[in-house]
Amino acid sequence: MEKLIIEVRINEYASRKYNPNVPFSPEEICDEALRCWRQGAAIIHYHARDPRSGSPSSLSEHYADTAQRIHDKSDLIVMPTLGAWTLPSPEARMSHIIDMAQDRATFPDFAPIDMTTSNVDIYDSGKRRFLTDDVVYMNPTKTLRYFAETIRGAGVRPYVALWNVGSIRLSAAFVEAGLLPQPLYGGIVLSEAGLFAGNPGTVRGMEAMADFIPPELQLRWSVMCVGGNLFPMVGATIERGGHIAIGLGDYPYLELGTPRNADLVERIAQIGHEMGRETATPTETRKILGLL
């Protein structure tokens, strides 16, 4: 079985309300990325944040500064976000990727594409009401095609976020149409905390997705859990040959106190070791995912 790839979802749009170790500034993200790298992480996924307030940032310089710092001090694989539904147009969501790709010092190895359109309103079960009722993450096929073509045109590798079975089927169609390369790297998105866009954060939720990956599709897949603890799914994912994407961006992991991202990576690496799957270095990961 392949070595275990550990991706760190280092901050997303998480606040510091529950865990003060969520990194905001390029320097903080880099420092935490290096800690994760030393514990066995190979890929860093990050969202640019305002260095002081932590609010979402769409500035290319914040994305580029973070990437350059990480590249200068490690061989980590870098994957900035596209900005999800926080930006007004597909072109705006892509602009920082194009800017970063023009300089090897800031080059993004991967750029993610969410292969679905979905409702992303949050339901508060305690109050028995939705906190919003009109937030739609719009990704029509035309937009997804633009992302795939633009990312590849910039020399960057596309990553597919798989929110449902339809995402898997659409990704396979994009491969067949020559829009996405193989081997393909993608993440199964499980969701909790009132977000219903993904399957539940359970082993059954993971397996229901993995069962629909076509055998002919050269897909290296990881599992994440937005809004929930991923650890109950780790053993089953590793046993099945999947990889792990974990971080404070998805969940604060208060069960462990107030851990750092690197503490989560250390635990995942130990579980992998105990199950006979050592962690893949960034160089080994590049070979597995077709970056070399």
C-alpha atoms as a PDB file:
ATOM      1  CA  MET A   1       0.000   0.000   0.000  1.00  0.00           C
ATOM      2  CA  GLU A   2       1.175   3.549  -0.748  1.00  0.00           C
ATOM      3  CA  LYS A   3       2.740   5.622   1.959  1.00  0.00           C
ATOM      4  CA  LEU A   4       0.330   7.884   3.830  1.00  0.00           C
ATOM      5  CA  ILE A   5      -0.007  11.469   2.594  1.00  0.00           C
ATOM      6  CA  ILE A   6      -0.871  13.967   5.327  1.00  0.00           C
ATOM      7  CA  GLU A   7      -2.377  17.263   4.205  1.00  0.00           C
ATOM      8  CA  VAL A   8      -2.862  20.051   6.739  1.00  0.00           C
ATOM      9  CA  ARG A   9      -5.908  22.297   6.437  1.00  0.00           C
ATOM     10  CA  ILE A  10      -4.126  24.849   8.495  1.00  0.00           C
ATOM     11  CA  ASN A  11      -6.624  27.684   9.022  1.00  0.00           C
ATOM     12  CA  GLU A  12      -9.547  27.896   6.544  1.00  0.00           C
ATOM     13  CA  TYR A  13     -11.826  30.656   7.899  1.00  0.00           C
ATOM     14  CA  ALA A  14     -11.679  29.415  11.495  1.00  0.00           C
ATOM     15  CA  SER A  15     -11.644  31.936  14.334  1.00  0.00           C
ATOM     16  CA  ARG A  16      -9.544  31.805  17.492  1.00  0.00           C
ATOM     17  CA  LYS A  17     -12.630  31.702  19.697  1.00  0.00           C
ATOM     18  CA  TYR A  18     -12.158  28.029  20.564  1.00  0.00           C
ATOM     19  CA  ASN A  19      -8.498  27.473  19.765  1.00  0.00           C
ATOM     20  CA  PRO A  20      -5.987  30.358  19.832  1.00  0.00           C
ATOM     21  CA  ASN A  21      -3.508  28.397  17.704  1.00  0.00           C
ATOM     22  CA  VAL A  22      -5.251  29.082  14.379  1.00  0.00           C
ATOM     23  CA  PRO A  23      -2.622  30.948  12.294  1.00  0.00           C
ATOM     24  CA  PHE A  24      -3.565  34.177  10.511  1.00  0.00           C
ATOM     25  CA  SER A  25      -0.521  36.024   9.140  1.00  0.00           C
ATOM     26  CA  PRO A  26       1.857  34.683   6.473  1.00  0.00           C
ATOM     27  CA  GLU A  27       4.549  34.367   9.161  1.00  0.00           C
ATOM     28  CA  GLU A  28       2.257  32.439  11.506  1.00  0.00           C
ATOM     29  CA  ILE A  29       1.056  30.126   8.741  1.00  0.00           C
ATOM     30  CA  CYS A  30       4.636  29.437   7.666  1.00  0.00           C
ATOM     31  CA  ASP A  31       5.851  28.765  11.206  1.00  0.00           C
ATOM     32  CA  GLU A  32       3.010  26.323  11.819  1.00  0.00           C
ATOM     33  CA  ALA A  33       3.517  24.712   8.404  1.00  0.00           C
ATOM     34  CA  LEU A  34       7.151  24.032   9.295  1.00  0.00           C
ATOM     35  CA  ARG A  35       6.112  22.406  12.584  1.00  0.00           C
ATOM     36  CA  CYS A  36       3.694  20.195  10.645  1.00  0.00           C
ATOM     37  CA  TRP A  37       6.390  19.341   8.088  1.00  0.00           C
ATOM     38  CA  ARG A  38       8.710  18.147  10.842  1.00  0.00           C
ATOM     39  CA  GLN A  39       5.957  15.863  12.146  1.00  0.00           C
ATOM     40  CA  GLY A  40       5.313  14.277   8.742  1.00  0.00           C
ATOM     41  CA  ALA A  41       3.004  16.566   6.763  1.00  0.00           C
ATOM     42  CA  ALA A  42       3.562  16.803   3.007  1.00  0.00           C
ATOM     43  CA  ILE A  43       0.866  19.282   1.858  1.00  0.00           C
ATOM     44  CA  ILE A  44      -0.229  22.609   3.334  1.00  0.00           C
ATOM     45  CA  HIS A  45      -3.616  24.031   2.392  1.00  0.00           C
ATOM     46  CA  TYR A  46      -4.246  27.584   3.584  1.00  0.00           C
ATOM     47  CA  HIS A  47      -6.542  30.588   3.290  1.00  0.00           C
ATOM     48  CA  ALA A  48      -5.052  34.068   3.252  1.00  0.00           C
ATOM     49  CA  ARG A  49      -6.158  36.030   6.314  1.00  0.00           C
ATOM     50  CA  ASP A  50      -5.715  39.605   7.412  1.00  0.00           C
ATOM     51  CA  PRO A  51      -2.617  39.433   9.632  1.00  0.00           C
ATOM     52  CA  ARG A  52      -4.253  41.472  12.430  1.00  0.00           C
ATOM     53  CA  SER A  53      -7.982  40.761  12.392  1.00  0.00           C
ATOM     54  CA  GLY A  54      -7.927  37.277  10.873  1.00  0.00           C
ATOM     55  CA  SER A  55     -10.707  38.197   8.463  1.00  0.00           C
ATOM     56  CA  PRO A  56     -10.610  36.553   4.999  1.00  0.00           C
ATOM     57  CA  SER A  57      -8.179  38.212   2.608  1.00  0.00           C
ATOM     58  CA  SER A  58      -8.219  38.035  -1.174  1.00  0.00           C
ATOM     59  CA  LEU A  59      -4.965  39.952  -1.615  1.00  0.00           C
ATOM     60  CA  SER A  60      -2.434  38.211  -3.826  1.00  0.00           C
ATOM     61  CA  GLU A  61       0.405  39.557  -1.688  1.00  0.00           C
ATOM     62  CA  HIS A  62      -0.885  37.715   1.390  1.00  0.00           C
ATOM     63  CA  TYR A  63      -1.139  34.460  -0.547  1.00  0.00           C
ATOM     64  CA  ALA A  64       2.238  34.971  -2.222  1.00  0.00           C
ATOM     65  CA  ASP A  65       4.050  36.000   0.967  1.00  0.00           C
ATOM     66  CA  THR A  66       2.864  32.820   2.684  1.00  0.00           C
ATOM     67  CA  ALA A  67       3.907  30.571  -0.208  1.00  0.00           C
ATOM     68  CA  GLN A  68       7.333  32.181  -0.530  1.00  0.00           C
ATOM     69  CA  ARG A  69       8.052  31.773   3.180  1.00  0.00           C
ATOM     70  CA  ILE A  70       7.112  28.080   3.052  1.00  0.00           C
ATOM     71  CA  HIS A  71       9.108  27.442  -0.143  1.00  0.00           C
ATOM     72  CA  ASP A  72      12.164  29.205   1.281  1.00  0.00           C
ATOM     73  CA  LYS A  73      12.336  26.954   4.339  1.00  0.00           C
ATOM     74  CA  SER A  74      10.919  23.575   3.275  1.00  0.00           C
ATOM     75  CA  ASP A  75       9.970  21.317   0.392  1.00  0.00           C
ATOM     76  CA  LEU A  76       6.304  21.276   1.432  1.00  0.00           C
ATOM     77  CA  ILE A  77       3.652  21.095  -1.278  1.00  0.00           C
ATOM     78  CA  VAL A  78       1.629  24.321  -1.207  1.00  0.00           C
ATOM     79  CA  MET A  79      -2.096  24.568  -1.964  1.00  0.00           C
ATOM     80  CA  PRO A  80      -3.807  27.967  -1.456  1.00  0.00           C
ATOM     81  CA  THR A  81      -7.593  28.138  -1.654  1.00  0.00           C
ATOM     82  CA  LEU A  82      -9.654  29.714  -4.440  1.00  0.00           C
ATOM     83  CA  GLY A  83     -11.741  31.701  -1.966  1.00  0.00           C
ATOM     84  CA  ALA A  84     -14.935  29.628  -2.134  1.00  0.00           C
ATOM     85  CA  TRP A  85     -18.110  31.734  -2.082  1.00  0.00           C
ATOM     86  CA  THR A  86     -16.439  34.755  -0.461  1.00  0.00           C
ATOM     87  CA  LEU A  87     -15.436  36.339  -3.790  1.00  0.00           C
ATOM     88  CA  PRO A  88     -17.790  37.770  -6.420  1.00  0.00           C
ATOM     89  CA  SER A  89     -16.724  36.009  -9.631  1.00  0.00           C
ATOM     90  CA  PRO A  90     -14.745  33.042 -10.984  1.00  0.00           C
ATOM     91  CA  GLU A  91     -12.078  35.446 -12.245  1.00  0.00           C
ATOM     92  CA  ALA A  92     -11.697  37.016  -8.794  1.00  0.00           C
ATOM     93  CA  ARG A  93     -11.404  33.587  -7.199  1.00  0.00           C
ATOM     94  CA  MET A  94      -8.615  32.682  -9.616  1.00  0.00           C
ATOM     95  CA  SER A  95      -6.611  35.923  -9.764  1.00  0.00           C
ATOM     96  CA  HIS A  96      -4.164  35.192  -6.933  1.00  0.00           C
ATOM     97  CA  ILE A  97      -3.376  31.744  -8.369  1.00  0.00           C
ATOM     98  CA  ILE A  98      -2.459  33.304 -11.714  1.00  0.00           C
ATOM     99  CA  ASP A  99      -0.344  35.962  -9.981  1.00  0.00           C
ATOM    100  CA  MET A 100       1.480  33.423  -7.806  1.00  0.00           C
ATOM    101  CA  ALA A 101       2.183  31.083 -10.719  1.00  0.00           C
ATOM    102  CA  GLN A 102       4.248  33.752 -12.495  1.00  0.00           C
ATOM    103  CA  ASP A 103       7.061  33.480  -9.942  1.00  0.00           C
ATOM    104  CA  ARG A 104       8.765  30.236  -8.941  1.00  0.00           C
ATOM    105  CA  ALA A 105       9.304  31.659  -5.466  1.00  0.00           C
ATOM    106  CA  THR A 106       5.546  31.855  -4.879  1.00  0.00           C
ATOM    107  CA  PHE A 107       4.377  29.044  -7.155  1.00  0.00           C
ATOM    108  CA  PRO A 108       1.320  27.092  -5.913  1.00  0.00           C
ATOM    109  CA  ASP A 109       1.690  23.351  -6.496  1.00  0.00           C
ATOM    110  CA  PHE A 110      -2.063  22.717  -6.332  1.00  0.00           C
ATOM    111  CA  ALA A 111      -5.224  24.801  -6.635  1.00  0.00           C
ATOM    112  CA  PRO A 112      -8.522  23.297  -5.434  1.00  0.00           C
ATOM    113  CA  ILE A 113     -11.756  23.011  -7.387  1.00  0.00           C
ATOM    114  CA  ASP A 114     -14.986  22.245  -5.499  1.00  0.00           C
ATOM    115  CA  MET A 115     -16.781  19.973  -7.962  1.00  0.00           C
ATOM    116  CA  THR A 116     -20.343  20.815  -6.968  1.00  0.00           C
ATOM    117  CA  THR A 117     -22.940  23.486  -6.349  1.00  0.00           C
ATOM    118  CA  SER A 118     -24.527  23.231  -2.917  1.00  0.00           C
ATOM    119  CA  ASN A 119     -26.371  24.962  -0.094  1.00  0.00           C
ATOM    120  CA  VAL A 120     -23.932  25.959   2.643  1.00  0.00           C
ATOM    121  CA  ASP A 121     -26.282  27.427   5.216  1.00  0.00           C
ATOM    122  CA  ILE A 122     -25.609  26.363   8.814  1.00  0.00           C
ATOM    123  CA  TYR A 123     -28.313  24.795  10.973  1.00  0.00           C
ATOM    124  CA  ASP A 124     -28.220  25.407  14.732  1.00  0.00           C
ATOM    125  CA  SER A 125     -29.805  22.319  16.286  1.00  0.00           C
ATOM    126  CA  GLY A 126     -29.816  23.896  19.757  1.00  0.00           C
ATOM    127  CA  LYS A 127     -31.934  26.817  18.553  1.00  0.00           C
ATOM    128  CA  ARG A 128     -33.755  24.669  15.983  1.00  0.00           C
ATOM    129  CA  ARG A 129     -33.211  27.157  13.209  1.00  0.00           C
ATOM    130  CA  PHE A 130     -30.914  27.960  10.305  1.00  0.00           C
ATOM    131  CA  LEU A 131     -28.453  30.780  10.907  1.00  0.00           C
ATOM    132  CA  THR A 132     -28.786  31.727   7.224  1.00  0.00           C
ATOM    133  CA  ASP A 133     -31.111  30.458   4.531  1.00  0.00           C
ATOM    134  CA  ASP A 134     -29.821  31.800   1.221  1.00  0.00           C
ATOM    135  CA  VAL A 135     -26.108  30.934   0.906  1.00  0.00           C
ATOM    136  CA  VAL A 136     -25.400  28.881  -2.202  1.00  0.00           C
ATOM    137  CA  TYR A 137     -21.906  27.820  -3.235  1.00  0.00           C
ATOM    138  CA  MET A 138     -22.264  28.317  -6.990  1.00  0.00           C
ATOM    139  CA  ASN A 139     -20.029  26.192  -9.212  1.00  0.00           C
ATOM    140  CA  PRO A 140     -21.800  25.589 -12.539  1.00  0.00           C
ATOM    141  CA  THR A 141     -20.047  23.364 -15.031  1.00  0.00           C
ATOM    142  CA  LYS A 142     -18.939  26.382 -17.080  1.00  0.00           C
ATOM    143  CA  THR A 143     -17.167  27.803 -14.016  1.00  0.00           C
ATOM    144  CA  LEU A 144     -15.563  24.470 -13.169  1.00  0.00           C
ATOM    145  CA  ARG A 145     -14.305  24.165 -16.732  1.00  0.00           C
ATOM    146  CA  TYR A 146     -12.835  27.674 -16.515  1.00  0.00           C
ATOM    147  CA  PHE A 147     -11.070  26.742 -13.275  1.00  0.00           C
ATOM    148  CA  ALA A 148      -9.678  23.496 -14.680  1.00  0.00           C
ATOM    149  CA  GLU A 149      -8.415  25.116 -17.879  1.00  0.00           C
ATOM    150  CA  THR A 150      -6.988  28.198 -16.150  1.00  0.00           C
ATOM    151  CA  ILE A 151      -5.240  26.255 -13.396  1.00  0.00           C
ATOM    152  CA  ARG A 152      -3.608  23.908 -15.888  1.00  0.00           C
ATOM    153  CA  GLY A 153      -2.789  26.825 -18.185  1.00  0.00           C
ATOM    154  CA  ALA A 154      -0.839  28.396 -15.337  1.00  0.00           C
ATOM    155  CA  GLY A 155       1.152  25.179 -14.899  1.00  0.00           C
ATOM    156  CA  VAL A 156      -0.525  24.405 -11.575  1.00  0.00           C
ATOM    157  CA  ARG A 157      -2.045  21.043 -10.709  1.00  0.00           C
ATOM    158  CA  PRO A 158      -5.828  20.906 -10.071  1.00  0.00           C
ATOM    159  CA  TYR A 159      -7.152  19.301  -6.890  1.00  0.00           C
ATOM    160  CA  VAL A 160     -10.799  18.213  -6.694  1.00  0.00           C
ATOM    161  CA  ALA A 161     -12.921  18.645  -3.565  1.00  0.00           C
ATOM    162  CA  LEU A 162     -15.547  15.893  -3.568  1.00  0.00           C
ATOM    163  CA  TRP A 163     -18.625  16.938  -1.597  1.00  0.00           C
ATOM    164  CA  ASN A 164     -20.967  14.225  -2.840  1.00  0.00           C
ATOM    165  CA  VAL A 165     -21.166  11.278  -5.211  1.00  0.00           C
ATOM    166  CA  GLY A 166     -22.071  13.646  -8.026  1.00  0.00           C
ATOM    167  CA  SER A 167     -18.711  15.379  -7.503  1.00  0.00           C
ATOM    168  CA  ILE A 168     -16.934  12.078  -8.100  1.00  0.00           C
ATOM    169  CA  ARG A 169     -18.926  11.354 -11.238  1.00  0.00           C
ATOM    170  CA  LEU A 170     -18.347  14.876 -12.577  1.00  0.00           C
ATOM    171  CA  SER A 171     -14.610  14.619 -11.879  1.00  0.00           C
ATOM    172  CA  ALA A 172     -14.485  11.360 -13.837  1.00  0.00           C
ATOM    173  CA  ALA A 173     -16.265  13.073 -16.743  1.00  0.00           C
ATOM    174  CA  PHE A 174     -13.763  15.958 -16.627  1.00  0.00           C
ATOM    175  CA  VAL A 175     -10.913  13.422 -16.815  1.00  0.00           C
ATOM    176  CA  GLU A 176     -12.578  11.681 -19.754  1.00  0.00           C
ATOM    177  CA  ALA A 177     -13.025  15.051 -21.503  1.00  0.00           C
ATOM    178  CA  GLY A 178      -9.340  15.891 -21.022  1.00  0.00           C
ATOM    179  CA  LEU A 179     -10.051  18.734 -18.581  1.00  0.00           C
ATOM    180  CA  LEU A 180      -8.375  17.109 -15.576  1.00  0.00           C
ATOM    181  CA  PRO A 181      -5.122  15.108 -15.539  1.00  0.00           C
ATOM    182  CA  GLN A 182      -4.389  11.724 -14.061  1.00  0.00           C
ATOM    183  CA  PRO A 183      -3.274  10.763 -11.503  1.00  0.00           C
ATOM    184  CA  LEU A 184      -5.802  13.030  -9.851  1.00  0.00           C
ATOM    185  CA  TYR A 185      -5.632  14.180  -6.244  1.00  0.00           C
ATOM    186  CA  GLY A 186      -8.884  14.903  -4.444  1.00  0.00           C
ATOM    187  CA  GLY A 187     -10.492  15.087  -1.048  1.00  0.00           C
ATOM    188  CA  ILE A 188     -13.695  13.509   0.236  1.00  0.00           C
ATOM    189  CA  VAL A 189     -15.457  16.252   2.188  1.00  0.00           C
ATOM    190  CA  LEU A 190     -17.443  15.096   5.221  1.00  0.00           C
ATOM    191  CA  SER A 191     -19.332  17.743   7.178  1.00  0.00           C
ATOM    192  CA  GLU A 192     -20.793  18.231  10.635  1.00  0.00           C
ATOM    193  CA  ALA A 193     -21.844  21.138  12.912  1.00  0.00           C
ATOM    194  CA  GLY A 194     -24.993  21.905  10.951  1.00  0.00           C
ATOM    195  CA  LEU A 195     -23.372  21.963   7.502  1.00  0.00           C
ATOM    196  CA  PHE A 196     -25.254  19.463   5.345  1.00  0.00           C
ATOM    197  CA  ALA A 197     -23.320  19.829   2.077  1.00  0.00           C
ATOM    198  CA  GLY A 198     -21.198  16.725   2.689  1.00  0.00           C
ATOM    199  CA  ASN A 199     -21.802  13.223   3.979  1.00  0.00           C
ATOM    200  CA  PRO A 200     -21.858  12.817   7.788  1.00  0.00           C
ATOM    201  CA  GLY A 201     -18.495  12.632   9.527  1.00  0.00           C
ATOM    202  CA  THR A 202     -18.622   8.899  10.119  1.00  0.00           C
ATOM    203  CA  VAL A 203     -16.920   5.809   8.720  1.00  0.00           C
ATOM    204  CA  ARG A 204     -20.149   4.998   6.899  1.00  0.00           C
ATOM    205  CA  GLY A 205     -20.209   8.510   5.448  1.00  0.00           C
ATOM    206  CA  MET A 206     -16.650   8.070   4.175  1.00  0.00           C
ATOM    207  CA  GLU A 207     -17.264   4.596   2.764  1.00  0.00           C
ATOM    208  CA  ALA A 208     -20.436   5.687   0.975  1.00  0.00           C
ATOM    209  CA  MET A 209     -18.271   8.127  -0.996  1.00  0.00           C
ATOM    210  CA  ALA A 210     -15.248   5.884  -1.508  1.00  0.00           C
ATOM    211  CA  ASP A 211     -17.464   3.087  -2.842  1.00  0.00           C
ATOM    212  CA  PHE A 212     -18.385   5.258  -5.825  1.00  0.00           C
ATOM    213  CA  ILE A 213     -14.838   6.007  -6.972  1.00  0.00           C
ATOM    214  CA  PRO A 214     -14.599   4.258 -10.370  1.00  0.00           C
ATOM    215  CA  PRO A 215     -11.793   1.666 -10.416  1.00  0.00           C
ATOM    216  CA  GLU A 216     -10.512   3.059 -13.706  1.00  0.00           C
ATOM    217  CA  LEU A 217     -10.159   6.577 -12.258  1.00  0.00           C
ATOM    218  CA  GLN A 218      -6.590   7.175 -11.101  1.00  0.00           C
ATOM    219  CA  LEU A 219      -7.652   9.099  -8.004  1.00  0.00           C
ATOM    220  CA  ARG A 220      -5.532   9.451  -4.873  1.00  0.00           C
ATOM    221  CA  TRP A 221      -8.098  10.516  -2.300  1.00  0.00           C
ATOM    222  CA  SER A 222      -7.933  11.952   1.178  1.00  0.00           C
ATOM    223  CA  VAL A 223     -10.668  12.473   3.766  1.00  0.00           C
ATOM    224  CA  MET A 224     -11.488  15.636   5.731  1.00  0.00           C
ATOM    225  CA  CYS A 225     -14.282  16.520   8.144  1.00  0.00           C
ATOM    226  CA  VAL A 226     -15.481  20.129   8.115  1.00  0.00           C
ATOM    227  CA  GLY A 227     -16.942  20.964  11.522  1.00  0.00           C
ATOM    228  CA  GLY A 228     -16.154  17.638  13.138  1.00  0.00           C
ATOM    229  CA  ASN A 229     -13.484  15.407  14.652  1.00  0.00           C
ATOM    230  CA  LEU A 230     -11.783  13.382  11.914  1.00  0.00           C
ATOM    231  CA  PHE A 231     -10.030  10.895  14.195  1.00  0.00           C
ATOM    232  CA  PRO A 232     -12.916   8.336  14.315  1.00  0.00           C
ATOM    233  CA  MET A 233     -12.526   7.932  10.517  1.00  0.00           C
ATOM    234  CA  VAL A 234      -8.717   7.811  10.396  1.00  0.00           C
ATOM    235  CA  GLY A 235      -8.207   4.084  10.941  1.00  0.00           C
ATOM    236  CA  ALA A 236     -10.808   3.046   8.367  1.00  0.00           C
ATOM    237  CA  THR A 237      -9.444   5.554   5.841  1.00  0.00           C
ATOM    238  CA  ILE A 238      -5.861   4.375   6.250  1.00  0.00           C
ATOM    239  CA  GLU A 239      -6.920   0.729   6.031  1.00  0.00           C
ATOM    240  CA  ARG A 240      -8.795   1.428   2.817  1.00  0.00           C
ATOM    241  CA  GLY A 241      -5.787   3.104   1.203  1.00  0.00           C
ATOM    242  CA  GLY A 242      -6.952   6.696   1.556  1.00  0.00           C
ATOM    243  CA  HIS A 243      -4.976   9.665   2.801  1.00  0.00           C
ATOM    244  CA  ILE A 244      -5.669  12.204   5.545  1.00  0.00           C
ATOM    245  CA  ALA A 245      -6.459  15.941   5.409  1.00  0.00           C
ATOM    246  CA  ILE A 246      -6.783  17.424   8.886  1.00  0.00           C
ATOM    247  CA  GLY A 247      -6.352  20.760  10.619  1.00  0.00           C
ATOM    248  CA  LEU A 248      -7.622  23.480  12.917  1.00  0.00           C
ATOM    249  CA  GLY A 249      -9.229  25.128   9.919  1.00  0.00           C
ATOM    250  CA  ASP A 250     -11.918  22.440  10.003  1.00  0.00           C
ATOM    251  CA  TYR A 251     -12.295  21.780  13.740  1.00  0.00           C
ATOM    252  CA  PRO A 252     -10.630  23.051  16.949  1.00  0.00           C
ATOM    253  CA  TYR A 253     -10.093  19.585  18.501  1.00  0.00           C
ATOM    254  CA  LEU A 254     -10.978  20.686  22.028  1.00  0.00           C
ATOM    255  CA  GLU A 255     -10.977  16.993  22.997  1.00  0.00           C
ATOM    256  CA  LEU A 256      -7.194  17.363  22.964  1.00  0.00           C
ATOM    257  CA  GLY A 257      -7.128  20.688  24.838  1.00  0.00           C
ATOM    258  CA  THR A 258      -5.932  23.451  22.511  1.00  0.00           C
ATOM    259  CA  PRO A 259      -3.619  21.565  20.156  1.00  0.00           C
ATOM    260  CA  ARG A 260      -1.570  22.962  17.318  1.00  0.00           C
ATOM    261  CA  ASN A 261      -1.932  21.669  13.796  1.00  0.00           C
ATOM    262  CA  ALA A 262       1.424  19.944  14.279  1.00  0.00           C
ATOM    263  CA  ASP A 263       0.018  17.981  17.230  1.00  0.00           C
ATOM    264  CA  LEU A 264      -2.714  16.604  14.976  1.00  0.00           C
ATOM    265  CA  VAL A 265      -0.140  15.636  12.336  1.00  0.00           C
ATOM    266  CA  GLU A 266       1.957  13.858  14.956  1.00  0.00           C
ATOM    267  CA  ARG A 267      -1.056  11.780  16.027  1.00  0.00           C
ATOM    268  CA  ILE A 268      -1.978  10.883  12.434  1.00  0.00           C
ATOM    269  CA  ALA A 269       1.600   9.853  11.658  1.00  0.00           C
ATOM    270  CA  GLN A 270       1.662   7.633  14.748  1.00  0.00           C
ATOM    271  CA  ILE A 271      -1.623   5.942  13.799  1.00  0.00           C
ATOM    272  CA  GLY A 272      -0.305   5.368  10.294  1.00  0.00           C
ATOM    273  CA  HIS A 273       2.908   3.881  11.677  1.00  0.00           C
ATOM    274  CA  GLU A 274       0.970   1.544  13.948  1.00  0.00           C
ATOM    275  CA  MET A 275      -1.141   0.410  10.977  1.00  0.00           C
ATOM    276  CA  GLY A 276       1.868  -0.202   8.739  1.00  0.00           C
ATOM    277  CA  ARG A 277       1.691   2.924   6.587  1.00  0.00           C
ATOM    278  CA  GLU A 278       4.579   5.297   7.097  1.00  0.00           C
ATOM    279  CA  THR A 279       4.125   8.924   6.122  1.00  0.00           C
ATOM    280  CA  ALA A 280       5.133  10.106   2.662  1.00  0.00           C
ATOM    281  CA  THR A 281       7.683  12.896   2.447  1.00  0.00           C
ATOM    282  CA  PRO A 282       6.901  15.816   0.135  1.00  0.00           C
ATOM    283  CA  THR A 283       9.211  14.302  -2.500  1.00  0.00           C
ATOM    284  CA  GLU A 284       7.494  10.917  -2.237  1.00  0.00           C
ATOM    285  CA  THR A 285       4.123  12.652  -2.347  1.00  0.00           C
ATOM    286  CA  ARG A 286       5.096  14.502  -5.524  1.00  0.00           C
ATOM    287  CA  LYS A 287       5.874  11.145  -7.159  1.00  0.00           C
ATOM    288  CA  ILE A 288       2.593   9.579  -5.972  1.00  0.00           C
ATOM    289  CA  LEU A 289       0.529  12.528  -7.225  1.00  0.00           C
ATOM    290  CA  GLY A 290       2.328  12.958 -10.540  1.00  0.00           C
ATOM    291  CA  LEU A 291       4.047  16.255  -9.764  1.00  0.00           C
ATOM    292  CA  LEU A 292       7.458  14.890 -10.755  1.00  0.00           C
END
